[in-house]
Amino acid sequence: MRSSLAGACGDWCGKCPHYPEKCQGCGPDKADCYFIECLSLRFLEHCGECPDFPCARLSSFVPDDRPGYPSGYHIKNLERRNQIPLEEWLKEQERYWESLKS
C-alpha cells in the first residue's frame, strides 16, 4: 500500500532499511506512535493538516538521525505535502532519496 510510505510526521518510509521486510511503514495500526494517536483524535491524515503545525513535539522530533539526513526535512516534507497530491509527493520523495544514494 503506497500510502503507508507517507509518514504522518513527514518522513518517507521508503528510505528506511527496514521497509518493507521488518516494518510496513506508517498507518493507523501504529498505536505506539505519538503522531498517529494525535492525528486519530483530530481526524487528520498527517501533521501538516493540523492547525497547530508545526507543534513543539513535531519540531523537536528527528525521524532519521543517520548521517547525511538533513534535520527538519520532515517539516518541509509536510509543507510540500499540503501543496500537491499524495501520489505526486511520494514520487518526489522517491526521486529525492534515490538521488542521495548516487
C-alpha atoms as a PDB file:
ATOM      1  CA  MET A   1       0.000   0.000   0.000  1.00  0.00           C
ATOM      2  CA  ARG A   2       1.812   3.090  -1.225  1.00  0.00           C
ATOM      3  CA  SER A   3       0.184   5.478   1.225  1.00  0.00           C
ATOM      4  CA  SER A   4       1.970   3.619   4.035  1.00  0.00           C
ATOM      5  CA  LEU A   5       5.193   5.134   2.663  1.00  0.00           C
ATOM      6  CA  ALA A   6       3.967   8.590   3.686  1.00  0.00           C
ATOM      7  CA  GLY A   7       4.716   9.032   7.361  1.00  0.00           C
ATOM      8  CA  ALA A   8       2.253  11.100   9.346  1.00  0.00           C
ATOM      9  CA  CYS A   9       5.255  13.025  10.687  1.00  0.00           C
ATOM     10  CA  GLY A  10       6.528  13.922   7.202  1.00  0.00           C
ATOM     11  CA  ASP A  11       9.057  11.148   6.846  1.00  0.00           C
ATOM     12  CA  TRP A  12       9.161   8.953   3.724  1.00  0.00           C
ATOM     13  CA  CYS A  13       9.251   5.342   4.886  1.00  0.00           C
ATOM     14  CA  GLY A  14      10.692   4.105   1.594  1.00  0.00           C
ATOM     15  CA  LYS A  15      14.177   5.242   2.573  1.00  0.00           C
ATOM     16  CA  CYS A  16      14.226   3.112   5.709  1.00  0.00           C
ATOM     17  CA  PRO A  17      16.357  -0.030   5.543  1.00  0.00           C
ATOM     18  CA  HIS A  18      13.637  -1.881   7.474  1.00  0.00           C
ATOM     19  CA  TYR A  19      10.899  -1.183   4.912  1.00  0.00           C
ATOM     20  CA  PRO A  20       9.034  -3.371   3.940  1.00  0.00           C
ATOM     21  CA  GLU A  21      10.546  -6.532   5.483  1.00  0.00           C
ATOM     22  CA  LYS A  22      10.575  -5.543   9.170  1.00  0.00           C
ATOM     23  CA  CYS A  23       8.249  -2.545   9.031  1.00  0.00           C
ATOM     24  CA  GLN A  24       5.360  -1.891   6.675  1.00  0.00           C
ATOM     25  CA  GLY A  25       5.521   1.867   7.079  1.00  0.00           C
ATOM     26  CA  CYS A  26       3.162   4.330   8.661  1.00  0.00           C
ATOM     27  CA  GLY A  27      -0.522   3.705   9.216  1.00  0.00           C
ATOM     28  CA  PRO A  28      -3.340   3.675  11.733  1.00  0.00           C
ATOM     29  CA  ASP A  29      -2.085   0.378  13.178  1.00  0.00           C
ATOM     30  CA  LYS A  30       0.974   2.163  14.607  1.00  0.00           C
ATOM     31  CA  ALA A  31      -0.656   2.514  18.010  1.00  0.00           C
ATOM     32  CA  ASP A  32       2.677   3.247  19.680  1.00  0.00           C
ATOM     33  CA  CYS A  33       3.276   6.342  17.519  1.00  0.00           C
ATOM     34  CA  TYR A  34       2.503   9.642  19.224  1.00  0.00           C
ATOM     35  CA  PHE A  35       1.714  11.335  15.917  1.00  0.00           C
ATOM     36  CA  ILE A  36      -0.690   8.628  14.709  1.00  0.00           C
ATOM     37  CA  GLU A  37      -2.510   8.747  18.037  1.00  0.00           C
ATOM     38  CA  CYS A  38      -2.739  12.551  17.976  1.00  0.00           C
ATOM     39  CA  LEU A  39      -3.946  12.599  14.369  1.00  0.00           C
ATOM     40  CA  SER A  40      -6.606   9.987  15.002  1.00  0.00           C
ATOM     41  CA  LEU A  41      -8.042  12.143  17.804  1.00  0.00           C
ATOM     42  CA  ARG A  42      -8.110  15.124  15.439  1.00  0.00           C
ATOM     43  CA  PHE A  43      -9.347  13.147  12.400  1.00  0.00           C
ATOM     44  CA  LEU A  44      -6.376  14.255  10.300  1.00  0.00           C
ATOM     45  CA  GLU A  45      -4.239  12.339   7.809  1.00  0.00           C
ATOM     46  CA  HIS A  46      -0.860  13.921   8.561  1.00  0.00           C
ATOM     47  CA  CYS A  47       0.662  16.545  10.828  1.00  0.00           C
ATOM     48  CA  GLY A  48       0.796  19.158   8.063  1.00  0.00           C
ATOM     49  CA  GLU A  49      -3.008  19.397   8.178  1.00  0.00           C
ATOM     50  CA  CYS A  50      -3.060  20.288  11.870  1.00  0.00           C
ATOM     51  CA  PRO A  51      -3.926  23.850  12.923  1.00  0.00           C
ATOM     52  CA  ASP A  52      -1.033  23.580  15.446  1.00  0.00           C
ATOM     53  CA  PHE A  53       1.503  22.668  12.737  1.00  0.00           C
ATOM     54  CA  PRO A  54       4.335  22.526  13.479  1.00  0.00           C
ATOM     55  CA  CYS A  55       3.804  21.764  17.145  1.00  0.00           C
ATOM     56  CA  ALA A  56       6.687  21.605  19.613  1.00  0.00           C
ATOM     57  CA  ARG A  57       6.642  17.799  19.619  1.00  0.00           C
ATOM     58  CA  LEU A  58       6.945  17.615  15.821  1.00  0.00           C
ATOM     59  CA  SER A  59       9.568  20.369  15.696  1.00  0.00           C
ATOM     60  CA  SER A  60      11.803  18.537  18.158  1.00  0.00           C
ATOM     61  CA  PHE A  61      11.212  15.124  16.547  1.00  0.00           C
ATOM     62  CA  VAL A  62      14.055  13.643  14.498  1.00  0.00           C
ATOM     63  CA  PRO A  63      12.659  10.916  12.222  1.00  0.00           C
ATOM     64  CA  ASP A  64      16.059   9.782  10.995  1.00  0.00           C
ATOM     65  CA  ASP A  65      19.329  10.688  12.649  1.00  0.00           C
ATOM     66  CA  ARG A  66      21.595   8.777  10.297  1.00  0.00           C
ATOM     67  CA  PRO A  67      24.487  10.859   8.901  1.00  0.00           C
ATOM     68  CA  GLY A  68      23.541  12.788   5.786  1.00  0.00           C
ATOM     69  CA  TYR A  69      19.877  13.194   6.617  1.00  0.00           C
ATOM     70  CA  PRO A  70      19.048  16.884   6.991  1.00  0.00           C
ATOM     71  CA  SER A  71      17.414  17.961  10.231  1.00  0.00           C
ATOM     72  CA  GLY A  72      13.927  19.352   9.880  1.00  0.00           C
ATOM     73  CA  TYR A  73      13.349  17.742   6.489  1.00  0.00           C
ATOM     74  CA  HIS A  74      10.084  16.234   7.754  1.00  0.00           C
ATOM     75  CA  ILE A  75       8.623  19.723   8.376  1.00  0.00           C
ATOM     76  CA  LYS A  76       9.472  20.784   4.819  1.00  0.00           C
ATOM     77  CA  ASN A  77       8.039  17.492   3.544  1.00  0.00           C
ATOM     78  CA  LEU A  78       4.719  18.196   5.278  1.00  0.00           C
ATOM     79  CA  GLU A  79       4.585  21.717   3.848  1.00  0.00           C
ATOM     80  CA  ARG A  80       5.125  20.249   0.387  1.00  0.00           C
ATOM     81  CA  ARG A  81       2.577  17.511   1.018  1.00  0.00           C
ATOM     82  CA  ASN A  82      -0.045  20.205   1.601  1.00  0.00           C
ATOM     83  CA  GLN A  83       0.671  21.619  -1.866  1.00  0.00           C
ATOM     84  CA  ILE A  84       0.445  18.547  -4.086  1.00  0.00           C
ATOM     85  CA  PRO A  85      -1.469  15.233  -4.319  1.00  0.00           C
ATOM     86  CA  LEU A  86      -0.144  12.332  -2.256  1.00  0.00           C
ATOM     87  CA  GLU A  87       0.949  10.249  -5.248  1.00  0.00           C
ATOM     88  CA  GLU A  88       2.988  13.136  -6.647  1.00  0.00           C
ATOM     89  CA  TRP A  89       4.566  13.699  -3.215  1.00  0.00           C
ATOM     90  CA  LEU A  90       5.503  10.018  -2.990  1.00  0.00           C
ATOM     91  CA  LYS A  91       7.180  10.166  -6.404  1.00  0.00           C
ATOM     92  CA  GLU A  92       9.113  13.292  -5.422  1.00  0.00           C
ATOM     93  CA  GLN A  93      10.292  11.628  -2.232  1.00  0.00           C
ATOM     94  CA  GLU A  94      11.389   8.503  -4.072  1.00  0.00           C
ATOM     95  CA  ARG A  95      13.371  10.547  -6.607  1.00  0.00           C
ATOM     96  CA  TYR A  96      14.958  12.712  -3.908  1.00  0.00           C
ATOM     97  CA  TRP A  97      16.088   9.872  -1.653  1.00  0.00           C
ATOM     98  CA  GLU A  98      17.280   7.782  -4.608  1.00  0.00           C
ATOM     99  CA  SER A  99      19.408  10.738  -5.778  1.00  0.00           C
ATOM    100  CA  LEU A 100      21.215  10.743  -2.410  1.00  0.00           C
ATOM    101  CA  LYS A 101      22.316   7.149  -2.957  1.00  0.00           C
ATOM    102  CA  SER A 102      24.245   8.052  -6.123  1.00  0.00           C
END
